[in-house]
Protein backbone atom coordinates (compact mmCIF):
# COMPACT_ATOMS: atom_id res chain seq x y z
CA MET A 1 2.57 13.80 2.24
CA PRO A 2 4.44 10.54 3.03
CA LYS A 3 5.36 9.73 6.64
CA ASP A 4 8.97 10.16 7.78
CA VAL A 5 10.10 12.39 4.87
CA LEU A 6 13.66 12.81 6.17
CA ILE A 7 15.35 9.78 7.71
CA PRO A 8 18.92 10.31 9.02
CA VAL A 9 21.01 7.12 8.69
CA VAL A 10 23.85 6.94 11.27
CA GLY A 11 26.54 4.36 11.43
CA TYR A 12 27.86 2.49 14.45
CA PRO A 13 30.19 -0.51 14.81
CA SER A 14 27.43 -2.39 16.73
CA VAL A 15 23.79 -1.65 16.05
CA SER A 16 22.66 -3.50 19.21
CA ASP A 17 25.02 -1.43 21.38
CA ALA A 18 23.99 1.82 19.60
CA VAL A 19 20.28 1.06 20.16
CA ALA A 20 20.83 0.34 23.87
CA TRP A 21 22.94 3.49 24.26
CA LEU A 22 20.50 5.71 22.36
CA ASP A 23 17.68 4.46 24.57
CA ALA A 24 19.58 4.93 27.80
CA ALA A 25 21.09 8.28 26.97
CA PHE A 26 18.39 9.95 24.82
CA GLY A 27 15.25 7.90 25.46
CA PHE A 28 14.91 6.80 21.79
CA THR A 29 12.39 4.04 21.22
CA LEU A 30 13.24 0.93 19.16
CA ARG A 31 10.73 0.42 16.35
CA TRP A 32 12.36 -2.56 14.73
CA GLN A 33 15.71 -4.26 14.37
CA VAL A 34 17.23 -6.70 11.82
CA GLY A 35 20.01 -8.67 13.58
CA ASP A 36 22.99 -6.43 14.15
CA HIS A 37 22.70 -4.91 10.69
CA ARG A 38 20.03 -2.19 10.91
CA ALA A 39 17.51 -0.79 13.32
CA GLN A 40 15.03 2.10 13.37
CA VAL A 41 14.52 4.22 16.47
CA ALA A 42 12.16 7.13 17.18
CA VAL A 43 12.68 10.13 19.35
CA HIS A 44 9.63 9.03 21.39
CA PRO A 45 7.00 6.21 20.89
CA ASP A 46 4.59 8.35 18.89
CA ALA A 47 7.15 10.29 16.85
CA ALA A 48 6.72 10.48 13.08
CA ILE A 49 10.39 11.05 12.40
CA ALA A 50 12.77 8.09 12.71
CA ILE A 51 16.52 7.52 12.74
CA VAL A 52 17.99 4.45 11.08
CA VAL A 53 21.03 2.93 12.87
CA GLY A 54 23.21 0.90 10.54
CA ASP A 55 26.39 -1.16 10.63
CA VAL A 56 28.10 1.35 8.35
CA PRO A 57 31.14 3.47 9.17
CA ALA A 58 30.37 6.97 10.52
CA SER A 59 31.84 8.36 7.24
CA ALA A 60 28.88 6.67 5.42
CA ASP A 61 26.24 8.54 7.41
CA HIS A 62 23.62 9.98 5.06
CA VAL A 63 20.14 11.36 4.94
CA MET A 64 17.33 9.34 3.35
CA VAL A 65 14.61 11.43 1.69
CA ARG A 66 11.19 9.95 0.96
CA VAL A 67 9.73 11.11 -2.38
CA GLU A 68 6.53 10.30 -4.23
CA ASN A 69 7.74 9.73 -7.78
CA LEU A 70 11.15 8.14 -7.73
CA GLU A 71 11.63 8.00 -11.51
CA SER A 72 10.94 11.67 -12.12
CA HIS A 73 12.99 12.62 -9.02
CA ARG A 74 15.99 10.63 -10.32
CA ALA A 75 15.63 12.21 -13.75
CA ARG A 76 15.58 15.67 -12.20
CA ALA A 77 18.65 14.90 -10.03
CA ALA A 78 20.61 13.65 -13.06
CA ALA A 79 19.62 16.70 -15.12
CA GLY A 80 20.72 18.93 -12.26
CA GLY A 81 24.19 17.39 -12.19
CA ALA A 82 23.95 14.73 -9.51
CA SER A 83 25.64 11.41 -10.06
CA VAL A 84 22.80 8.96 -9.73
CA GLY A 85 22.67 5.18 -9.29
CA ALA A 86 20.17 2.66 -10.54
CA ILE A 87 16.86 2.23 -8.91
CA GLY A 88 16.60 -0.83 -6.67
CA GLU A 89 13.56 -2.50 -5.19
CA PHE A 90 13.73 -3.95 -1.67
CA PRO A 91 11.67 -6.58 0.23
CA TYR A 92 10.71 -4.03 2.84
CA GLY A 93 8.43 -2.22 0.35
CA GLU A 94 10.78 0.55 -0.81
CA ARG A 95 12.37 1.51 -4.13
CA GLN A 96 15.52 3.52 -3.81
CA TYR A 97 18.42 5.21 -5.64
CA ASN A 98 21.63 6.77 -4.39
CA ALA A 99 22.89 10.10 -5.57
CA THR A 100 26.10 12.04 -4.98
CA ASP A 101 25.89 15.79 -4.84
CA PHE A 102 28.43 18.39 -6.18
CA ALA A 103 30.44 18.20 -2.89
CA GLY A 104 30.67 14.41 -2.83
CA ARG A 105 27.93 13.91 -0.21
CA GLU A 106 25.80 10.77 -0.49
CA TRP A 107 22.00 10.89 -0.52
CA VAL A 108 19.43 8.14 -0.63
CA PHE A 109 16.03 8.76 -2.16
CA THR A 110 13.27 6.31 -1.38
CA GLU A 111 9.66 5.69 -2.43
CA SER A 112 7.24 3.44 -0.56
CA VAL A 113 5.58 1.01 -2.96
CA ALA A 114 4.13 -1.53 -0.59
CA ASP A 115 3.05 -1.63 3.07
CA VAL A 116 5.23 -4.54 4.24
CA GLY A 117 5.45 -5.17 7.94
CA PRO A 118 8.91 -5.52 9.51
CA LEU A 119 8.24 -9.12 10.58
CA TYR A 120 7.82 -10.16 6.96
CA TRP A 121 11.39 -9.08 5.96
CA GLY A 122 13.12 -10.43 9.03
CA ALA A 123 13.08 -7.70 11.67
CA THR A 124 12.10 -8.06 15.26
CA VAL A 125 9.67 -5.45 16.54
CA SER A 126 9.61 -3.61 19.81
CA ARG A 127 6.38 -3.52 21.88
């Protein structure tokens, strides 16, 4: 089973301010951060589940779901009535597609295709 199967993505006006606040208030641990665009925090240093903090409006909050076969997952979603986007590949080792469910809620489905360290794609790493 892939690590971090469900990844909530929450939006804040300032990623740096959000990371500092989430640490101070909830004790979340910074894993990595890319400028003031995106960061990943964990509930504690050894946690498997992460939360992504992004510079998106709160109305764009979504859940990212890690799957093992993106193409077949996308085909099933489309056959089931979801509105699906194209699959994109990203330098951080993920392939993803967006889907909209019957109620208009956005989902992101992702598949790991390469083990690419955060420093390679421009993040700073905590610890």
